[in-house]
Amino acid sequence: MKEYYPVEDIISIGRSGNNKIVLKDPYISKNHLKIVEDEGDFYVEDLNSANGTYINGEKNNGCSENQKWRQNKNRTGRIFICR
């Protein structure tokens, strides 16, 4: 496993070999989530995974009126929990 992965348009994460990042973990679904870049912002989208997607200990329950976001470490854009 690499230490970091370059962010492209879409990065898929899951147990299946067809994902850009493959995690061999029983709590990860075959196609668990994707990170999507859109105009400099990054969105985390759960792909109906069995165990859900958690970000900093908070479950991603979909979009709300007050959309949550976190500044990334490099401060080059925002990472949205949903879009």
PDB file of N, CA and C in Angstrom:
ATOM      1  N   MET A   1       0.839  -1.167   0.000  1.00  0.00           N
ATOM      2  CA  MET A   1       0.000   0.000   0.000  1.00  0.00           C
ATOM      3  C   MET A   1       0.891   1.239   0.000  1.00  0.00           C
ATOM      4  N   LYS A   2       0.506   2.232  -0.787  1.00  0.00           N
ATOM      5  CA  LYS A   2       1.266   3.475  -0.868  1.00  0.00           C
ATOM      6  C   LYS A   2       0.977   4.359   0.351  1.00  0.00           C
ATOM      7  N   GLU A   3       1.857   5.316   0.588  1.00  0.00           N
ATOM      8  CA  GLU A   3       1.658   6.297   1.653  1.00  0.00           C
ATOM      9  C   GLU A   3       0.660   7.376   1.242  1.00  0.00           C
ATOM     10  N   TYR A   4       0.630   7.699  -0.039  1.00  0.00           N
ATOM     11  CA  TYR A   4      -0.289   8.715  -0.544  1.00  0.00           C
ATOM     12  C   TYR A   4      -0.688   8.368  -1.966  1.00  0.00           C
ATOM     13  N   TYR A   5      -1.797   8.926  -2.406  1.00  0.00           N
ATOM     14  CA  TYR A   5      -2.311   8.692  -3.751  1.00  0.00           C
ATOM     15  C   TYR A   5      -2.646  10.040  -4.369  1.00  0.00           C
ATOM     16  N   PRO A   6      -2.233  10.265  -5.610  1.00  0.00           N
ATOM     17  CA  PRO A   6      -2.597  11.537  -6.250  1.00  0.00           C
ATOM     18  C   PRO A   6      -4.106  11.599  -6.464  1.00  0.00           C
ATOM     19  N   VAL A   7      -4.681  12.759  -6.243  1.00  0.00           N
ATOM     20  CA  VAL A   7      -6.118  12.927  -6.420  1.00  0.00           C
ATOM     21  C   VAL A   7      -6.392  13.246  -7.876  1.00  0.00           C
ATOM     22  N   GLU A   8      -7.197  12.418  -8.479  1.00  0.00           N
ATOM     23  CA  GLU A   8      -7.619  12.621  -9.866  1.00  0.00           C
ATOM     24  C   GLU A   8      -9.100  12.990  -9.835  1.00  0.00           C
ATOM     25  N   ASP A   9      -9.785  12.867 -10.956  1.00  0.00           N
ATOM     26  CA  ASP A   9     -11.206  13.213 -11.003  1.00  0.00           C
ATOM     27  C   ASP A   9     -12.023  12.385 -10.021  1.00  0.00           C
ATOM     28  N   ILE A  10     -11.816  11.056 -10.031  1.00  0.00           N
ATOM     29  CA  ILE A  10     -12.554  10.152  -9.150  1.00  0.00           C
ATOM     30  C   ILE A  10     -11.592   9.099  -8.625  1.00  0.00           C
ATOM     31  N   ILE A  11     -11.625   8.874  -7.320  1.00  0.00           N
ATOM     32  CA  ILE A  11     -10.849   7.802  -6.704  1.00  0.00           C
ATOM     33  C   ILE A  11     -11.843   6.883  -6.009  1.00  0.00           C
ATOM     34  N   SER A  12     -11.861   5.616  -6.400  1.00  0.00           N
ATOM     35  CA  SER A  12     -12.742   4.647  -5.762  1.00  0.00           C
ATOM     36  C   SER A  12     -11.947   3.833  -4.753  1.00  0.00           C
ATOM     37  N   ILE A  13     -12.620   3.477  -3.649  1.00  0.00           N
ATOM     38  CA  ILE A  13     -11.981   2.732  -2.564  1.00  0.00           C
ATOM     39  C   ILE A  13     -12.883   1.562  -2.186  1.00  0.00           C
ATOM     40  N   GLY A  14     -12.273   0.390  -2.046  1.00  0.00           N
ATOM     41  CA  GLY A  14     -13.033  -0.790  -1.642  1.00  0.00           C
ATOM     42  C   GLY A  14     -12.167  -2.038  -1.680  1.00  0.00           C
ATOM     43  N   ARG A  15     -12.787  -3.207  -1.407  1.00  0.00           N
ATOM     44  CA  ARG A  15     -12.058  -4.476  -1.408  1.00  0.00           C
ATOM     45  C   ARG A  15     -11.825  -5.028  -2.810  1.00  0.00           C
ATOM     46  N   SER A  16     -12.675  -4.685  -3.756  1.00  0.00           N
ATOM     47  CA  SER A  16     -12.589  -5.222  -5.111  1.00  0.00           C
ATOM     48  C   SER A  16     -11.362  -4.687  -5.842  1.00  0.00           C
ATOM     49  N   GLY A  17     -10.780  -5.536  -6.680  1.00  0.00           N
ATOM     50  CA  GLY A  17      -9.600  -5.154  -7.448  1.00  0.00           C
ATOM     51  C   GLY A  17      -9.854  -4.087  -8.494  1.00  0.00           C
ATOM     52  N   ASN A  18     -11.121  -3.751  -8.766  1.00  0.00           N
ATOM     53  CA  ASN A  18     -11.412  -2.716  -9.769  1.00  0.00           C
ATOM     54  C   ASN A  18     -11.355  -1.302  -9.193  1.00  0.00           C
ATOM     55  N   ASN A  19     -11.051  -1.151  -7.892  1.00  0.00           N
ATOM     56  CA  ASN A  19     -10.927   0.164  -7.261  1.00  0.00           C
ATOM     57  C   ASN A  19      -9.512   0.708  -7.426  1.00  0.00           C
ATOM     58  N   LYS A  20      -9.387   2.028  -7.402  1.00  0.00           N
ATOM     59  CA  LYS A  20      -8.045   2.630  -7.475  1.00  0.00           C
ATOM     60  C   LYS A  20      -7.260   2.369  -6.203  1.00  0.00           C
ATOM     61  N   ILE A  21      -7.956   2.352  -5.057  1.00  0.00           N
ATOM     62  CA  ILE A  21      -7.330   2.006  -3.787  1.00  0.00           C
ATOM     63  C   ILE A  21      -8.051   0.771  -3.257  1.00  0.00           C
ATOM     64  N   VAL A  22      -7.318  -0.326  -3.122  1.00  0.00           N
ATOM     65  CA  VAL A  22      -7.884  -1.590  -2.666  1.00  0.00           C
ATOM     66  C   VAL A  22      -7.476  -1.814  -1.219  1.00  0.00           C
ATOM     67  N   LEU A  23      -8.471  -2.011  -0.353  1.00  0.00           N
ATOM     68  CA  LEU A  23      -8.239  -2.256   1.065  1.00  0.00           C
ATOM     69  C   LEU A  23      -8.766  -3.642   1.406  1.00  0.00           C
ATOM     70  N   LYS A  24      -7.904  -4.522   1.822  1.00  0.00           N
ATOM     71  CA  LYS A  24      -8.294  -5.879   2.206  1.00  0.00           C
ATOM     72  C   LYS A  24      -8.690  -5.869   3.676  1.00  0.00           C
ATOM     73  N   ASP A  25      -9.906  -5.453   3.935  1.00  0.00           N
ATOM     74  CA  ASP A  25     -10.419  -5.327   5.295  1.00  0.00           C
ATOM     75  C   ASP A  25     -11.861  -5.833   5.290  1.00  0.00           C
ATOM     76  N   PRO A  26     -12.233  -6.711   6.221  1.00  0.00           N
ATOM     77  CA  PRO A  26     -13.585  -7.270   6.206  1.00  0.00           C
ATOM     78  C   PRO A  26     -14.690  -6.237   6.457  1.00  0.00           C
ATOM     79  N   TYR A  27     -14.367  -5.074   7.002  1.00  0.00           N
ATOM     80  CA  TYR A  27     -15.364  -4.038   7.255  1.00  0.00           C
ATOM     81  C   TYR A  27     -15.550  -3.098   6.067  1.00  0.00           C
ATOM     82  N   ILE A  28     -14.751  -3.277   5.039  1.00  0.00           N
ATOM     83  CA  ILE A  28     -14.835  -2.462   3.828  1.00  0.00           C
ATOM     84  C   ILE A  28     -15.632  -3.237   2.778  1.00  0.00           C
ATOM     85  N   SER A  29     -16.587  -2.582   2.135  1.00  0.00           N
ATOM     86  CA  SER A  29     -17.367  -3.220   1.066  1.00  0.00           C
ATOM     87  C   SER A  29     -16.539  -3.329  -0.201  1.00  0.00           C
ATOM     88  N   LYS A  30     -16.981  -4.178  -1.124  1.00  0.00           N
ATOM     89  CA  LYS A  30     -16.256  -4.344  -2.395  1.00  0.00           C
ATOM     90  C   LYS A  30     -16.104  -3.004  -3.103  1.00  0.00           C
ATOM     91  N   ASN A  31     -17.146  -2.224  -3.128  1.00  0.00           N
ATOM     92  CA  ASN A  31     -17.124  -0.865  -3.674  1.00  0.00           C
ATOM     93  C   ASN A  31     -17.676   0.039  -2.581  1.00  0.00           C
ATOM     94  N   HIS A  32     -16.784   0.561  -1.730  1.00  0.00           N
ATOM     95  CA  HIS A  32     -17.201   1.214  -0.493  1.00  0.00           C
ATOM     96  C   HIS A  32     -17.522   2.703  -0.671  1.00  0.00           C
ATOM     97  N   LEU A  33     -16.579   3.453  -1.237  1.00  0.00           N
ATOM     98  CA  LEU A  33     -16.795   4.887  -1.388  1.00  0.00           C
ATOM     99  C   LEU A  33     -15.978   5.416  -2.544  1.00  0.00           C
ATOM    100  N   LYS A  34     -16.272   6.656  -2.901  1.00  0.00           N
ATOM    101  CA  LYS A  34     -15.442   7.333  -3.904  1.00  0.00           C
ATOM    102  C   LYS A  34     -15.220   8.762  -3.455  1.00  0.00           C
ATOM    103  N   ILE A  35     -14.091   9.300  -3.883  1.00  0.00           N
ATOM    104  CA  ILE A  35     -13.753  10.703  -3.669  1.00  0.00           C
ATOM    105  C   ILE A  35     -13.780  11.352  -5.037  1.00  0.00           C
ATOM    106  N   VAL A  36     -14.569  12.390  -5.161  1.00  0.00           N
ATOM    107  CA  VAL A  36     -14.774  13.046  -6.454  1.00  0.00           C
ATOM    108  C   VAL A  36     -14.275  14.485  -6.364  1.00  0.00           C
ATOM    109  N   GLU A  37     -13.467  14.887  -7.341  1.00  0.00           N
ATOM    110  CA  GLU A  37     -13.001  16.277  -7.428  1.00  0.00           C
ATOM    111  C   GLU A  37     -13.968  17.035  -8.332  1.00  0.00           C
ATOM    112  N   ASP A  38     -14.399  18.209  -7.875  1.00  0.00           N
ATOM    113  CA  ASP A  38     -15.300  19.039  -8.663  1.00  0.00           C
ATOM    114  C   ASP A  38     -14.928  20.498  -8.423  1.00  0.00           C
ATOM    115  N   GLU A  39     -14.301  21.114  -9.425  1.00  0.00           N
ATOM    116  CA  GLU A  39     -13.896  22.520  -9.370  1.00  0.00           C
ATOM    117  C   GLU A  39     -13.059  22.838  -8.133  1.00  0.00           C
ATOM    118  N   GLY A  40     -12.112  21.962  -7.816  1.00  0.00           N
ATOM    119  CA  GLY A  40     -11.188  22.213  -6.716  1.00  0.00           C
ATOM    120  C   GLY A  40     -11.665  21.750  -5.358  1.00  0.00           C
ATOM    121  N   ASP A  41     -12.914  21.323  -5.257  1.00  0.00           N
ATOM    122  CA  ASP A  41     -13.433  20.776  -4.009  1.00  0.00           C
ATOM    123  C   ASP A  41     -13.489  19.262  -4.150  1.00  0.00           C
ATOM    124  N   PHE A  42     -13.433  18.555  -3.020  1.00  0.00           N
ATOM    125  CA  PHE A  42     -13.419  17.095  -3.021  1.00  0.00           C
ATOM    126  C   PHE A  42     -14.598  16.589  -2.214  1.00  0.00           C
ATOM    127  N   TYR A  43     -15.333  15.641  -2.780  1.00  0.00           N
ATOM    128  CA  TYR A  43     -16.542  15.110  -2.167  1.00  0.00           C
ATOM    129  C   TYR A  43     -16.369  13.633  -1.869  1.00  0.00           C
ATOM    130  N   VAL A  44     -16.747  13.224  -0.666  1.00  0.00           N
ATOM    131  CA  VAL A  44     -16.717  11.824  -0.269  1.00  0.00           C
ATOM    132  C   VAL A  44     -18.134  11.288  -0.417  1.00  0.00           C
ATOM    133  N   GLU A  45     -18.286  10.244  -1.233  1.00  0.00           N
ATOM    134  CA  GLU A  45     -19.598   9.665  -1.476  1.00  0.00           C
ATOM    135  C   GLU A  45     -19.582   8.187  -1.111  1.00  0.00           C
ATOM    136  N   ASP A  46     -20.415   7.801  -0.158  1.00  0.00           N
ATOM    137  CA  ASP A  46     -20.561   6.400   0.197  1.00  0.00           C
ATOM    138  C   ASP A  46     -21.322   5.699  -0.929  1.00  0.00           C
ATOM    139  N   LEU A  47     -20.901   4.505  -1.293  1.00  0.00           N
ATOM    140  CA  LEU A  47     -21.523   3.754  -2.388  1.00  0.00           C
ATOM    141  C   LEU A  47     -22.451   2.663  -1.837  1.00  0.00           C
ATOM    142  N   ASN A  48     -23.308   3.054  -0.896  1.00  0.00           N
ATOM    143  CA  ASN A  48     -24.235   2.124  -0.248  1.00  0.00           C
ATOM    144  C   ASN A  48     -23.492   0.972   0.405  1.00  0.00           C
ATOM    145  N   SER A  49     -22.404   1.290   1.072  1.00  0.00           N
ATOM    146  CA  SER A  49     -21.594   0.266   1.740  1.00  0.00           C
ATOM    147  C   SER A  49     -22.376  -0.338   2.913  1.00  0.00           C
ATOM    148  N   ALA A  50     -22.053  -1.584   3.245  1.00  0.00           N
ATOM    149  CA  ALA A  50     -22.756  -2.295   4.316  1.00  0.00           C
ATOM    150  C   ALA A  50     -22.545  -1.634   5.675  1.00  0.00           C
ATOM    151  N   ASN A  51     -21.339  -1.159   5.958  1.00  0.00           N
ATOM    152  CA  ASN A  51     -21.018  -0.598   7.276  1.00  0.00           C
ATOM    153  C   ASN A  51     -20.987   0.921   7.312  1.00  0.00           C
ATOM    154  N   GLY A  52     -21.227   1.561   6.204  1.00  0.00           N
ATOM    155  CA  GLY A  52     -21.220   3.014   6.153  1.00  0.00           C
ATOM    156  C   GLY A  52     -19.818   3.586   6.054  1.00  0.00           C
ATOM    157  N   THR A  53     -19.750   4.887   5.856  1.00  0.00           N
ATOM    158  CA  THR A  53     -18.482   5.605   5.744  1.00  0.00           C
ATOM    159  C   THR A  53     -18.405   6.618   6.869  1.00  0.00           C
ATOM    160  N   TYR A  54     -17.295   6.598   7.588  1.00  0.00           N
ATOM    161  CA  TYR A  54     -17.072   7.512   8.709  1.00  0.00           C
ATOM    162  C   TYR A  54     -15.916   8.437   8.382  1.00  0.00           C
ATOM    163  N   ILE A  55     -16.071   9.707   8.712  1.00  0.00           N
ATOM    164  CA  ILE A  55     -15.017  10.691   8.518  1.00  0.00           C
ATOM    165  C   ILE A  55     -14.785  11.350   9.869  1.00  0.00           C
ATOM    166  N   ASN A  56     -13.572  11.210  10.393  1.00  0.00           N
ATOM    167  CA  ASN A  56     -13.241  11.740  11.720  1.00  0.00           C
ATOM    168  C   ASN A  56     -14.249  11.279  12.769  1.00  0.00           C
ATOM    169  N   GLY A  57     -14.657  10.013  12.690  1.00  0.00           N
ATOM    170  CA  GLY A  57     -15.565   9.441  13.676  1.00  0.00           C
ATOM    171  C   GLY A  57     -17.034   9.747  13.462  1.00  0.00           C
ATOM    172  N   GLU A  58     -17.364  10.546  12.449  1.00  0.00           N
ATOM    173  CA  GLU A  58     -18.756  10.895  12.174  1.00  0.00           C
ATOM    174  C   GLU A  58     -19.241  10.135  10.954  1.00  0.00           C
ATOM    175  N   LYS A  59     -20.421   9.493  11.086  1.00  0.00           N
ATOM    176  CA  LYS A  59     -20.964   8.735   9.963  1.00  0.00           C
ATOM    177  C   LYS A  59     -21.480   9.674   8.887  1.00  0.00           C
ATOM    178  N   ASN A  60     -21.163   9.348   7.635  1.00  0.00           N
ATOM    179  CA  ASN A  60     -21.656  10.100   6.490  1.00  0.00           C
ATOM    180  C   ASN A  60     -23.090   9.660   6.245  1.00  0.00           C
ATOM    181  N   ASN A  61     -24.058  10.506   6.618  1.00  0.00           N
ATOM    182  CA  ASN A  61     -25.473  10.176   6.463  1.00  0.00           C
ATOM    183  C   ASN A  61     -26.109  10.894   5.288  1.00  0.00           C
ATOM    184  N   GLY A  62     -25.331  11.363   4.359  1.00  0.00           N
ATOM    185  CA  GLY A  62     -25.877  12.079   3.213  1.00  0.00           C
ATOM    186  C   GLY A  62     -25.864  13.579   3.451  1.00  0.00           C
ATOM    187  N   CYS A  63     -26.389  14.312   2.496  1.00  0.00           N
ATOM    188  CA  CYS A  63     -26.344  15.770   2.542  1.00  0.00           C
ATOM    189  C   CYS A  63     -27.382  16.332   3.492  1.00  0.00           C
ATOM    190  N   SER A  64     -27.054  17.445   4.050  1.00  0.00           N
ATOM    191  CA  SER A  64     -28.010  18.181   4.870  1.00  0.00           C
ATOM    192  C   SER A  64     -28.022  19.626   4.382  1.00  0.00           C
ATOM    193  N   GLU A  65     -28.958  20.395   4.885  1.00  0.00           N
ATOM    194  CA  GLU A  65     -29.056  21.793   4.480  1.00  0.00           C
ATOM    195  C   GLU A  65     -27.780  22.550   4.830  1.00  0.00           C
ATOM    196  N   ASN A  66     -27.212  22.258   5.985  1.00  0.00           N
ATOM    197  CA  ASN A  66     -25.950  22.865   6.397  1.00  0.00           C
ATOM    198  C   ASN A  66     -24.834  21.887   6.088  1.00  0.00           C
ATOM    199  N   GLN A  67     -24.352  21.931   4.867  1.00  0.00           N
ATOM    200  CA  GLN A  67     -23.364  20.964   4.394  1.00  0.00           C
ATOM    201  C   GLN A  67     -22.068  21.073   5.198  1.00  0.00           C
ATOM    202  N   LYS A  68     -21.622  19.936   5.776  1.00  0.00           N
ATOM    203  CA  LYS A  68     -20.392  19.918   6.566  1.00  0.00           C
ATOM    204  C   LYS A  68     -19.184  19.872   5.647  1.00  0.00           C
ATOM    205  N   TRP A  69     -18.102  20.469   6.058  1.00  0.00           N
ATOM    206  CA  TRP A  69     -16.862  20.370   5.298  1.00  0.00           C
ATOM    207  C   TRP A  69     -15.678  20.461   6.227  1.00  0.00           C
ATOM    208  N   ARG A  70     -14.557  19.985   5.732  1.00  0.00           N
ATOM    209  CA  ARG A  70     -13.310  20.018   6.487  1.00  0.00           C
ATOM    210  C   ARG A  70     -12.224  20.579   5.569  1.00  0.00           C
ATOM    211  N   GLN A  71     -11.396  21.445   6.092  1.00  0.00           N
ATOM    212  CA  GLN A  71     -10.262  21.951   5.318  1.00  0.00           C
ATOM    213  C   GLN A  71      -9.199  20.857   5.254  1.00  0.00           C
ATOM    214  N   ASN A  72      -8.621  20.617   4.087  1.00  0.00           N
ATOM    215  CA  ASN A  72      -7.597  19.574   4.015  1.00  0.00           C
ATOM    216  C   ASN A  72      -6.260  20.097   4.531  1.00  0.00           C
ATOM    217  N   LYS A  73      -5.318  19.195   4.771  1.00  0.00           N
ATOM    218  CA  LYS A  73      -4.045  19.564   5.400  1.00  0.00           C
ATOM    219  C   LYS A  73      -3.267  20.599   4.602  1.00  0.00           C
ATOM    220  N   ASN A  74      -3.323  20.510   3.267  1.00  0.00           N
ATOM    221  CA  ASN A  74      -2.560  21.438   2.434  1.00  0.00           C
ATOM    222  C   ASN A  74      -3.310  22.745   2.182  1.00  0.00           C
ATOM    223  N   ARG A  75      -4.540  22.799   2.637  1.00  0.00           N
ATOM    224  CA  ARG A  75      -5.383  23.979   2.452  1.00  0.00           C
ATOM    225  C   ARG A  75      -5.492  24.388   0.984  1.00  0.00           C
ATOM    226  N   THR A  76      -5.573  23.403   0.115  1.00  0.00           N
ATOM    227  CA  THR A  76      -5.707  23.682  -1.312  1.00  0.00           C
ATOM    228  C   THR A  76      -7.160  23.588  -1.755  1.00  0.00           C
ATOM    229  N   GLY A  77      -8.026  23.125  -0.884  1.00  0.00           N
ATOM    230  CA  GLY A  77      -9.430  22.987  -1.221  1.00  0.00           C
ATOM    231  C   GLY A  77     -10.189  22.460  -0.032  1.00  0.00           C
ATOM    232  N   ARG A  78     -11.470  22.261  -0.203  1.00  0.00           N
ATOM    233  CA  ARG A  78     -12.299  21.741   0.873  1.00  0.00           C
ATOM    234  C   ARG A  78     -12.656  20.297   0.574  1.00  0.00           C
ATOM    235  N   ILE A  79     -12.844  19.520   1.624  1.00  0.00           N
ATOM    236  CA  ILE A  79     -13.344  18.163   1.470  1.00  0.00           C
ATOM    237  C   ILE A  79     -14.743  18.138   2.051  1.00  0.00           C
ATOM    238  N   PHE A  80     -15.727  17.929   1.190  1.00  0.00           N
ATOM    239  CA  PHE A  80     -17.118  17.890   1.614  1.00  0.00           C
ATOM    240  C   PHE A  80     -17.489  16.447   1.939  1.00  0.00           C
ATOM    241  N   ILE A  81     -18.334  16.277   2.941  1.00  0.00           N
ATOM    242  CA  ILE A  81     -18.781  14.945   3.298  1.00  0.00           C
ATOM    243  C   ILE A  81     -19.778  14.444   2.256  1.00  0.00           C
ATOM    244  N   CYS A  82     -20.518  15.314   1.653  1.00  0.00           N
ATOM    245  CA  CYS A  82     -21.496  14.923   0.633  1.00  0.00           C
ATOM    246  C   CYS A  82     -21.679  16.088  -0.323  1.00  0.00           C
ATOM    247  N   ARG A  83     -22.378  15.816  -1.422  1.00  0.00           N
ATOM    248  CA  ARG A  83     -22.703  16.945  -2.315  1.00  0.00           C
ATOM    249  C   ARG A  83     -24.121  16.881  -2.764  1.00  0.00           C
TER     250      ARG A  83
END
